Amino acid sequence: MIRTFMCLLKRELRVLFYTPLAYAVLFFFWLLSGLNFFWLLQQLADGERLTMALQLLFNGPLLTFSLPVVVPLVTMRLIAEERRLGTLEAVLTTPISEIQFVIAKFVSAFIFYLILWLPALIYCGVIHSLCLTQDVVFLDVGVLVASFTGVIVIGLFYNAVGLLMSAFTTNQVVAAIAGFAVLFGSLLLFMLMGYSTQYEVIRNLGQFFSTFTHMLDFSRGVIDSRVVLLYLGNCIWLIYTTIRILEWKRS
């Protein structure tokens, strides 16, 4: 079973990295990440507090609003392309289970998502080196762990949404648009609810579900178990729903 899963995972990674779109997405996100880092350095040079550095590094506006675009572009082909080419039925008639099939696709997309964030490690090292020249300690291990925890759990949720949208259609563009609509729409809605209303109940509700607020807290070193469970729970039921859709199509 493990060997079958690893074969599926290698296949998905190979297909993913053989597409020009993957490298276009990498270039686009890394470019925005670099611009975000340049803006961060400017803020520090203008006297911004060092404690704000990680918040800007992981929750800068360029990154916050680009992820709902980038992730659906990666996940849109996962199942929709299989259905369009007619290979989905062939795969599902083999001894491979729907669970193995879906999890392999999800893990491959999540690995790609983590690669998107590799420059963040480099940027942390650069800032740490600059701070050492000024006899200032920049890296707080606890805050760094919390920040990457936020990146991971939010990434799990985003990729699960994109995977589900890909299972609904045979058209990659439709899957990408649907994923973008869900992710960007919820991000914007809960931001507006959390920061643009005078009603406390609505404001608290918006902040509780706001990805922006969650990442801001994570980048401050705050790991709220309720938020972690919220993302993990949503990720699990989204993947479960995707599996049920494929089971329905197989029957």
C-alpha atoms as a PDB file:
ATOM      1  CA  MET A   1       0.000   0.000   0.000  1.00  0.00           C
ATOM      2  CA  ILE A   2       2.796   2.403   0.919  1.00  0.00           C
ATOM      3  CA  ARG A   3       4.723   1.442  -2.224  1.00  0.00           C
ATOM      4  CA  THR A   4       1.630   2.105  -4.358  1.00  0.00           C
ATOM      5  CA  PHE A   5       1.131   5.489  -2.719  1.00  0.00           C
ATOM      6  CA  MET A   6       4.774   6.479  -3.234  1.00  0.00           C
ATOM      7  CA  CYS A   7       4.544   5.507  -6.904  1.00  0.00           C
ATOM      8  CA  LEU A   8       1.442   7.664  -7.261  1.00  0.00           C
ATOM      9  CA  LEU A   9       3.134  10.545  -5.462  1.00  0.00           C
ATOM     10  CA  LYS A  10       6.222  10.356  -7.681  1.00  0.00           C
ATOM     11  CA  ARG A  11       3.957  10.311 -10.731  1.00  0.00           C
ATOM     12  CA  GLU A  12       2.092  13.395  -9.558  1.00  0.00           C
ATOM     13  CA  LEU A  13       5.268  15.306  -8.730  1.00  0.00           C
ATOM     14  CA  ARG A  14       6.789  14.392 -12.082  1.00  0.00           C
ATOM     15  CA  VAL A  15       3.688  15.546 -13.959  1.00  0.00           C
ATOM     16  CA  LEU A  16       3.519  18.726 -11.867  1.00  0.00           C
ATOM     17  CA  PHE A  17       7.123  19.755 -12.437  1.00  0.00           C
ATOM     18  CA  TYR A  18       7.039  18.864 -16.139  1.00  0.00           C
ATOM     19  CA  THR A  19       4.462  21.578 -16.811  1.00  0.00           C
ATOM     20  CA  PRO A  20       5.593  25.121 -17.718  1.00  0.00           C
ATOM     21  CA  LEU A  21       2.807  26.499 -15.519  1.00  0.00           C
ATOM     22  CA  ALA A  22       4.559  25.223 -12.388  1.00  0.00           C
ATOM     23  CA  TYR A  23       7.670  27.253 -13.143  1.00  0.00           C
ATOM     24  CA  ALA A  24       5.592  30.278 -14.098  1.00  0.00           C
ATOM     25  CA  VAL A  25       3.844  30.067 -10.731  1.00  0.00           C
ATOM     26  CA  LEU A  26       7.185  29.682  -8.940  1.00  0.00           C
ATOM     27  CA  PHE A  27       8.595  32.704 -10.746  1.00  0.00           C
ATOM     28  CA  PHE A  28       5.488  34.783 -10.047  1.00  0.00           C
ATOM     29  CA  PHE A  29       5.318  33.974  -6.342  1.00  0.00           C
ATOM     30  CA  TRP A  30       9.068  34.250  -5.774  1.00  0.00           C
ATOM     31  CA  LEU A  31       9.023  37.628  -7.527  1.00  0.00           C
ATOM     32  CA  LEU A  32       6.270  38.850  -5.226  1.00  0.00           C
ATOM     33  CA  SER A  33       8.106  37.347  -2.268  1.00  0.00           C
ATOM     34  CA  GLY A  34      11.255  39.262  -3.259  1.00  0.00           C
ATOM     35  CA  LEU A  35       9.322  42.503  -3.653  1.00  0.00           C
ATOM     36  CA  ASN A  36       7.717  41.924  -0.284  1.00  0.00           C
ATOM     37  CA  PHE A  37      11.168  41.389   1.259  1.00  0.00           C
ATOM     38  CA  PHE A  38      12.495  44.562  -0.385  1.00  0.00           C
ATOM     39  CA  TRP A  39       9.541  46.478   1.045  1.00  0.00           C
ATOM     40  CA  LEU A  40      10.246  44.917   4.449  1.00  0.00           C
ATOM     41  CA  LEU A  41      13.875  46.112   4.348  1.00  0.00           C
ATOM     42  CA  GLN A  42      12.703  49.592   3.449  1.00  0.00           C
ATOM     43  CA  GLN A  43      10.359  49.572   6.417  1.00  0.00           C
ATOM     44  CA  LEU A  44      13.186  48.545   8.733  1.00  0.00           C
ATOM     45  CA  ALA A  45      15.478  51.203   7.265  1.00  0.00           C
ATOM     46  CA  ASP A  46      12.785  53.809   7.946  1.00  0.00           C
ATOM     47  CA  GLY A  47      12.728  52.851  11.622  1.00  0.00           C
ATOM     48  CA  GLU A  48      10.066  50.125  11.751  1.00  0.00           C
ATOM     49  CA  ARG A  49      10.325  47.913  14.825  1.00  0.00           C
ATOM     50  CA  LEU A  50      12.229  44.661  14.367  1.00  0.00           C
ATOM     51  CA  THR A  51       9.334  42.732  15.898  1.00  0.00           C
ATOM     52  CA  MET A  52       7.299  43.661  12.821  1.00  0.00           C
ATOM     53  CA  ALA A  53       9.765  41.963  10.486  1.00  0.00           C
ATOM     54  CA  LEU A  54       8.304  38.448  10.672  1.00  0.00           C
ATOM     55  CA  GLN A  55       4.775  39.817  10.415  1.00  0.00           C
ATOM     56  CA  LEU A  56       5.667  41.582   7.188  1.00  0.00           C
ATOM     57  CA  LEU A  57       7.683  38.611   5.941  1.00  0.00           C
ATOM     58  CA  PHE A  58       4.865  36.078   6.296  1.00  0.00           C
ATOM     59  CA  ASN A  59       1.802  38.298   6.130  1.00  0.00           C
ATOM     60  CA  GLY A  60       2.742  41.063   3.729  1.00  0.00           C
ATOM     61  CA  PRO A  61      -0.122  42.197   1.487  1.00  0.00           C
ATOM     62  CA  LEU A  62       1.598  40.929  -1.675  1.00  0.00           C
ATOM     63  CA  LEU A  63       1.715  37.408  -0.267  1.00  0.00           C
ATOM     64  CA  THR A  64      -1.654  37.480   1.471  1.00  0.00           C
ATOM     65  CA  PHE A  65      -3.549  38.389  -1.689  1.00  0.00           C
ATOM     66  CA  SER A  66      -1.439  36.331  -4.113  1.00  0.00           C
ATOM     67  CA  LEU A  67      -1.912  32.940  -2.423  1.00  0.00           C
ATOM     68  CA  PRO A  68      -5.633  32.695  -3.348  1.00  0.00           C
ATOM     69  CA  VAL A  69      -4.478  33.137  -6.949  1.00  0.00           C
ATOM     70  CA  VAL A  70      -1.387  30.932  -6.918  1.00  0.00           C
ATOM     71  CA  VAL A  71      -2.799  27.858  -5.152  1.00  0.00           C
ATOM     72  CA  PRO A  72      -5.790  27.320  -7.519  1.00  0.00           C
ATOM     73  CA  LEU A  73      -3.397  27.587 -10.475  1.00  0.00           C
ATOM     74  CA  VAL A  74      -1.452  24.643  -9.066  1.00  0.00           C
ATOM     75  CA  THR A  75      -4.434  22.517  -8.014  1.00  0.00           C
ATOM     76  CA  MET A  76      -6.724  23.188 -10.988  1.00  0.00           C
ATOM     77  CA  ARG A  77      -5.295  20.351 -13.099  1.00  0.00           C
ATOM     78  CA  LEU A  78      -5.066  17.678 -10.395  1.00  0.00           C
ATOM     79  CA  ILE A  79      -8.353  15.926 -11.118  1.00  0.00           C
ATOM     80  CA  ALA A  80      -9.937  18.092 -13.831  1.00  0.00           C
ATOM     81  CA  GLU A  81      -7.153  17.218 -16.277  1.00  0.00           C
ATOM     82  CA  GLU A  82      -7.541  13.502 -15.550  1.00  0.00           C
ATOM     83  CA  ARG A  83     -11.254  13.753 -16.294  1.00  0.00           C
ATOM     84  CA  ARG A  84     -10.710  15.793 -19.462  1.00  0.00           C
ATOM     85  CA  LEU A  85      -8.189  13.326 -20.867  1.00  0.00           C
ATOM     86  CA  GLY A  86     -10.299  10.342 -19.841  1.00  0.00           C
ATOM     87  CA  THR A  87      -7.517   8.847 -17.723  1.00  0.00           C
ATOM     88  CA  LEU A  88      -9.486   9.160 -14.485  1.00  0.00           C
ATOM     89  CA  GLU A  89     -11.747   6.241 -15.337  1.00  0.00           C
ATOM     90  CA  ALA A  90      -8.745   4.135 -16.311  1.00  0.00           C
ATOM     91  CA  VAL A  91      -6.988   4.871 -13.026  1.00  0.00           C
ATOM     92  CA  LEU A  92     -10.080   4.219 -10.931  1.00  0.00           C
ATOM     93  CA  THR A  93     -10.594   0.808 -12.547  1.00  0.00           C
ATOM     94  CA  THR A  94      -7.214  -0.349 -11.192  1.00  0.00           C
ATOM     95  CA  PRO A  95      -6.679  -1.658  -7.649  1.00  0.00           C
ATOM     96  CA  ILE A  96      -5.708   1.889  -6.607  1.00  0.00           C
ATOM     97  CA  SER A  97      -8.192   3.217  -4.074  1.00  0.00           C
ATOM     98  CA  GLU A  98      -9.778   6.646  -4.251  1.00  0.00           C
ATOM     99  CA  ILE A  99      -8.114   7.515  -0.945  1.00  0.00           C
ATOM    100  CA  GLN A 100      -4.624   6.789  -2.285  1.00  0.00           C
ATOM    101  CA  PHE A 101      -5.405   8.628  -5.507  1.00  0.00           C
ATOM    102  CA  VAL A 102      -6.696  11.783  -3.814  1.00  0.00           C
ATOM    103  CA  ILE A 103      -4.098  11.890  -1.031  1.00  0.00           C
ATOM    104  CA  ALA A 104      -1.250  11.503  -3.548  1.00  0.00           C
ATOM    105  CA  LYS A 105      -2.536  14.458  -5.544  1.00  0.00           C
ATOM    106  CA  PHE A 106      -3.068  16.523  -2.418  1.00  0.00           C
ATOM    107  CA  VAL A 107       0.404  15.794  -1.031  1.00  0.00           C
ATOM    108  CA  SER A 108       2.073  16.619  -4.351  1.00  0.00           C
ATOM    109  CA  ALA A 109       0.327  20.004  -4.472  1.00  0.00           C
ATOM    110  CA  PHE A 110       1.208  20.671  -0.840  1.00  0.00           C
ATOM    111  CA  ILE A 111       4.883  19.850  -1.461  1.00  0.00           C
ATOM    112  CA  PHE A 112       4.864  22.374  -4.294  1.00  0.00           C
ATOM    113  CA  TYR A 113       3.220  24.887  -1.946  1.00  0.00           C
ATOM    114  CA  LEU A 114       6.007  24.419   0.600  1.00  0.00           C
ATOM    115  CA  ILE A 115       8.606  24.985  -2.131  1.00  0.00           C
ATOM    116  CA  LEU A 116       6.956  28.338  -2.790  1.00  0.00           C
ATOM    117  CA  TRP A 117       7.920  29.387   0.737  1.00  0.00           C
ATOM    118  CA  LEU A 118      11.597  28.362   0.567  1.00  0.00           C
ATOM    119  CA  PRO A 119      12.775  31.966  -0.039  1.00  0.00           C
ATOM    120  CA  ALA A 120      11.315  32.904   3.349  1.00  0.00           C
ATOM    121  CA  LEU A 121      14.049  30.825   5.006  1.00  0.00           C
ATOM    122  CA  ILE A 122      16.684  32.697   3.007  1.00  0.00           C
ATOM    123  CA  TYR A 123      15.170  36.054   3.910  1.00  0.00           C
ATOM    124  CA  CYS A 124      15.166  35.133   7.605  1.00  0.00           C
ATOM    125  CA  GLY A 125      18.862  34.257   7.318  1.00  0.00           C
ATOM    126  CA  VAL A 126      19.629  37.556   5.569  1.00  0.00           C
ATOM    127  CA  ILE A 127      17.855  39.631   8.212  1.00  0.00           C
ATOM    128  CA  HIS A 128      19.524  37.615  10.969  1.00  0.00           C
ATOM    129  CA  SER A 129      22.947  38.292   9.449  1.00  0.00           C
ATOM    130  CA  LEU A 130      22.203  42.004   9.140  1.00  0.00           C
ATOM    131  CA  CYS A 131      21.062  42.133  12.742  1.00  0.00           C
ATOM    132  CA  LEU A 132      24.203  40.389  13.971  1.00  0.00           C
ATOM    133  CA  THR A 133      26.300  43.199  12.506  1.00  0.00           C
ATOM    134  CA  GLN A 134      24.345  45.544  14.784  1.00  0.00           C
ATOM    135  CA  ASP A 135      24.599  43.190  17.790  1.00  0.00           C
ATOM    136  CA  VAL A 136      20.865  42.573  17.659  1.00  0.00           C
ATOM    137  CA  VAL A 137      19.252  39.127  17.878  1.00  0.00           C
ATOM    138  CA  PHE A 138      16.528  38.774  15.258  1.00  0.00           C
ATOM    139  CA  LEU A 139      15.477  35.130  15.163  1.00  0.00           C
ATOM    140  CA  ASP A 140      13.126  34.078  17.914  1.00  0.00           C
ATOM    141  CA  VAL A 141      12.727  30.335  17.472  1.00  0.00           C
ATOM    142  CA  GLY A 142       9.248  30.320  18.979  1.00  0.00           C
ATOM    143  CA  VAL A 143       7.974  33.055  16.673  1.00  0.00           C
ATOM    144  CA  LEU A 144       9.597  31.392  13.666  1.00  0.00           C
ATOM    145  CA  VAL A 145       7.985  28.027  14.497  1.00  0.00           C
ATOM    146  CA  ALA A 146       4.603  29.702  14.955  1.00  0.00           C
ATOM    147  CA  SER A 147       4.950  31.539  11.633  1.00  0.00           C
ATOM    148  CA  PHE A 148       5.717  28.370   9.687  1.00  0.00           C
ATOM    149  CA  THR A 149       2.920  26.580  11.541  1.00  0.00           C
ATOM    150  CA  GLY A 150       0.571  29.190  10.122  1.00  0.00           C
ATOM    151  CA  VAL A 151       2.023  28.747   6.640  1.00  0.00           C
ATOM    152  CA  ILE A 152       1.504  24.975   6.877  1.00  0.00           C
ATOM    153  CA  VAL A 153      -2.048  24.836   8.245  1.00  0.00           C
ATOM    154  CA  ILE A 154      -3.325  27.585   5.947  1.00  0.00           C
ATOM    155  CA  GLY A 155      -1.614  25.862   3.023  1.00  0.00           C
ATOM    156  CA  LEU A 156      -3.330  22.590   3.873  1.00  0.00           C
ATOM    157  CA  PHE A 157      -6.706  24.308   3.771  1.00  0.00           C
ATOM    158  CA  TYR A 158      -6.013  26.248   0.561  1.00  0.00           C
ATOM    159  CA  ASN A 159      -4.810  23.159  -1.285  1.00  0.00           C
ATOM    160  CA  ALA A 160      -7.785  21.118  -0.072  1.00  0.00           C
ATOM    161  CA  VAL A 161     -10.156  23.777  -1.448  1.00  0.00           C
ATOM    162  CA  GLY A 162      -8.350  23.783  -4.786  1.00  0.00           C
ATOM    163  CA  LEU A 163      -8.421  19.985  -4.961  1.00  0.00           C
ATOM    164  CA  LEU A 164     -12.167  19.885  -4.330  1.00  0.00           C
ATOM    165  CA  MET A 165     -12.829  22.495  -7.013  1.00  0.00           C
ATOM    166  CA  SER A 166     -10.767  20.421  -9.452  1.00  0.00           C
ATOM    167  CA  ALA A 167     -12.937  17.372  -8.711  1.00  0.00           C
ATOM    168  CA  PHE A 168     -16.128  19.198  -9.663  1.00  0.00           C
ATOM    169  CA  THR A 169     -15.263  19.938 -13.290  1.00  0.00           C
ATOM    170  CA  THR A 170     -13.365  18.765 -16.356  1.00  0.00           C
ATOM    171  CA  ASN A 171     -12.251  22.310 -17.178  1.00  0.00           C
ATOM    172  CA  GLN A 172      -9.045  23.506 -15.524  1.00  0.00           C
ATOM    173  CA  VAL A 173      -9.915  27.169 -16.004  1.00  0.00           C
ATOM    174  CA  VAL A 174     -13.272  26.697 -14.309  1.00  0.00           C
ATOM    175  CA  ALA A 175     -11.547  24.875 -11.422  1.00  0.00           C
ATOM    176  CA  ALA A 176      -9.025  27.710 -11.047  1.00  0.00           C
ATOM    177  CA  ILE A 177     -11.712  30.401 -11.116  1.00  0.00           C
ATOM    178  CA  ALA A 178     -13.852  28.501  -8.610  1.00  0.00           C
ATOM    179  CA  GLY A 179     -10.902  28.006  -6.262  1.00  0.00           C
ATOM    180  CA  PHE A 180      -9.951  31.671  -6.558  1.00  0.00           C
ATOM    181  CA  ALA A 181     -13.545  32.777  -5.927  1.00  0.00           C
ATOM    182  CA  VAL A 182     -13.821  30.682  -2.771  1.00  0.00           C
ATOM    183  CA  LEU A 183     -10.408  31.557  -1.321  1.00  0.00           C
ATOM    184  CA  PHE A 184     -10.189  35.213  -2.281  1.00  0.00           C
ATOM    185  CA  GLY A 185     -13.883  35.823  -1.595  1.00  0.00           C
ATOM    186  CA  SER A 186     -13.680  34.357   1.923  1.00  0.00           C
ATOM    187  CA  LEU A 187     -10.417  36.211   2.609  1.00  0.00           C
ATOM    188  CA  LEU A 188     -11.917  39.545   1.597  1.00  0.00           C
ATOM    189  CA  LEU A 189     -15.283  38.911   3.266  1.00  0.00           C
ATOM    190  CA  PHE A 190     -13.863  38.004   6.658  1.00  0.00           C
ATOM    191  CA  MET A 191     -11.340  40.858   6.506  1.00  0.00           C
ATOM    192  CA  LEU A 192     -14.180  43.306   5.921  1.00  0.00           C
ATOM    193  CA  MET A 193     -16.247  41.701   8.677  1.00  0.00           C
ATOM    194  CA  GLY A 194     -13.329  41.751  11.096  1.00  0.00           C
ATOM    195  CA  TYR A 195     -12.017  45.251  10.485  1.00  0.00           C
ATOM    196  CA  SER A 196     -14.693  47.367   8.801  1.00  0.00           C
ATOM    197  CA  THR A 197     -17.767  47.050  10.984  1.00  0.00           C
ATOM    198  CA  GLN A 198     -18.854  48.655  14.221  1.00  0.00           C
ATOM    199  CA  TYR A 199     -20.832  45.630  15.389  1.00  0.00           C
ATOM    200  CA  GLU A 200     -18.771  43.626  17.854  1.00  0.00           C
ATOM    201  CA  VAL A 201     -20.436  40.278  17.131  1.00  0.00           C
ATOM    202  CA  ILE A 202     -19.784  40.559  13.390  1.00  0.00           C
ATOM    203  CA  ARG A 203     -16.263  41.845  14.028  1.00  0.00           C
ATOM    204  CA  ASN A 204     -15.406  38.945  16.333  1.00  0.00           C
ATOM    205  CA  LEU A 205     -16.909  36.443  13.907  1.00  0.00           C
ATOM    206  CA  GLY A 206     -14.924  37.888  11.015  1.00  0.00           C
ATOM    207  CA  GLN A 207     -11.649  37.858  12.926  1.00  0.00           C
ATOM    208  CA  PHE A 208     -12.225  34.281  14.090  1.00  0.00           C
ATOM    209  CA  PHE A 209     -12.526  33.039  10.496  1.00  0.00           C
ATOM    210  CA  SER A 210     -10.144  35.524   8.861  1.00  0.00           C
ATOM    211  CA  THR A 211      -7.042  33.958   7.304  1.00  0.00           C
ATOM    212  CA  PHE A 212      -5.365  37.361   7.435  1.00  0.00           C
ATOM    213  CA  THR A 213      -5.942  37.635  11.190  1.00  0.00           C
ATOM    214  CA  HIS A 214      -4.790  34.075  11.773  1.00  0.00           C
ATOM    215  CA  MET A 215      -1.533  34.565   9.867  1.00  0.00           C
ATOM    216  CA  LEU A 216      -0.975  37.833  11.702  1.00  0.00           C
ATOM    217  CA  ASP A 217      -1.293  36.026  15.030  1.00  0.00           C
ATOM    218  CA  PHE A 218       0.966  33.184  13.895  1.00  0.00           C
ATOM    219  CA  SER A 219       3.637  35.661  12.786  1.00  0.00           C
ATOM    220  CA  ARG A 220       3.476  37.227  16.253  1.00  0.00           C
ATOM    221  CA  GLY A 221       4.275  33.863  17.817  1.00  0.00           C
ATOM    222  CA  VAL A 222       0.713  33.021  18.858  1.00  0.00           C
ATOM    223  CA  ILE A 223      -0.451  29.458  18.132  1.00  0.00           C
ATOM    224  CA  ASP A 224      -4.155  29.143  18.910  1.00  0.00           C
ATOM    225  CA  SER A 225      -5.138  25.467  19.041  1.00  0.00           C
ATOM    226  CA  ARG A 226      -8.692  26.389  18.000  1.00  0.00           C
ATOM    227  CA  VAL A 227      -7.412  27.957  14.784  1.00  0.00           C
ATOM    228  CA  VAL A 228      -5.129  24.984  14.059  1.00  0.00           C
ATOM    229  CA  LEU A 229      -8.013  22.558  14.579  1.00  0.00           C
ATOM    230  CA  LEU A 230     -10.248  24.749  12.429  1.00  0.00           C
ATOM    231  CA  TYR A 231      -7.898  24.472   9.452  1.00  0.00           C
ATOM    232  CA  LEU A 232      -7.101  20.806   9.989  1.00  0.00           C
ATOM    233  CA  GLY A 233     -10.792  19.954  10.358  1.00  0.00           C
ATOM    234  CA  ASN A 234     -11.724  21.864   7.209  1.00  0.00           C
ATOM    235  CA  CYS A 235      -8.865  20.227   5.321  1.00  0.00           C
ATOM    236  CA  ILE A 236      -9.997  16.730   6.359  1.00  0.00           C
ATOM    237  CA  TRP A 237     -13.639  17.166   5.409  1.00  0.00           C
ATOM    238  CA  LEU A 238     -12.721  18.807   2.080  1.00  0.00           C
ATOM    239  CA  ILE A 239     -10.478  15.861   1.196  1.00  0.00           C
ATOM    240  CA  TYR A 240     -13.176  13.455   2.388  1.00  0.00           C
ATOM    241  CA  THR A 241     -15.714  15.214   0.155  1.00  0.00           C
ATOM    242  CA  THR A 242     -13.336  14.926  -2.800  1.00  0.00           C
ATOM    243  CA  ILE A 243     -12.954  11.195  -2.167  1.00  0.00           C
ATOM    244  CA  ARG A 244     -16.723  10.757  -1.976  1.00  0.00           C
ATOM    245  CA  ILE A 245     -17.131  12.575  -5.299  1.00  0.00           C
ATOM    246  CA  LEU A 246     -14.701  10.183  -6.975  1.00  0.00           C
ATOM    247  CA  GLU A 247     -16.415   7.185  -5.365  1.00  0.00           C
ATOM    248  CA  TRP A 248     -19.711   8.432  -6.728  1.00  0.00           C
ATOM    249  CA  LYS A 249     -18.234   8.785 -10.202  1.00  0.00           C
ATOM    250  CA  ARG A 250     -16.733   5.303  -9.981  1.00  0.00           C
ATOM    251  CA  SER A 251     -20.013   3.615  -8.977  1.00  0.00           C
END
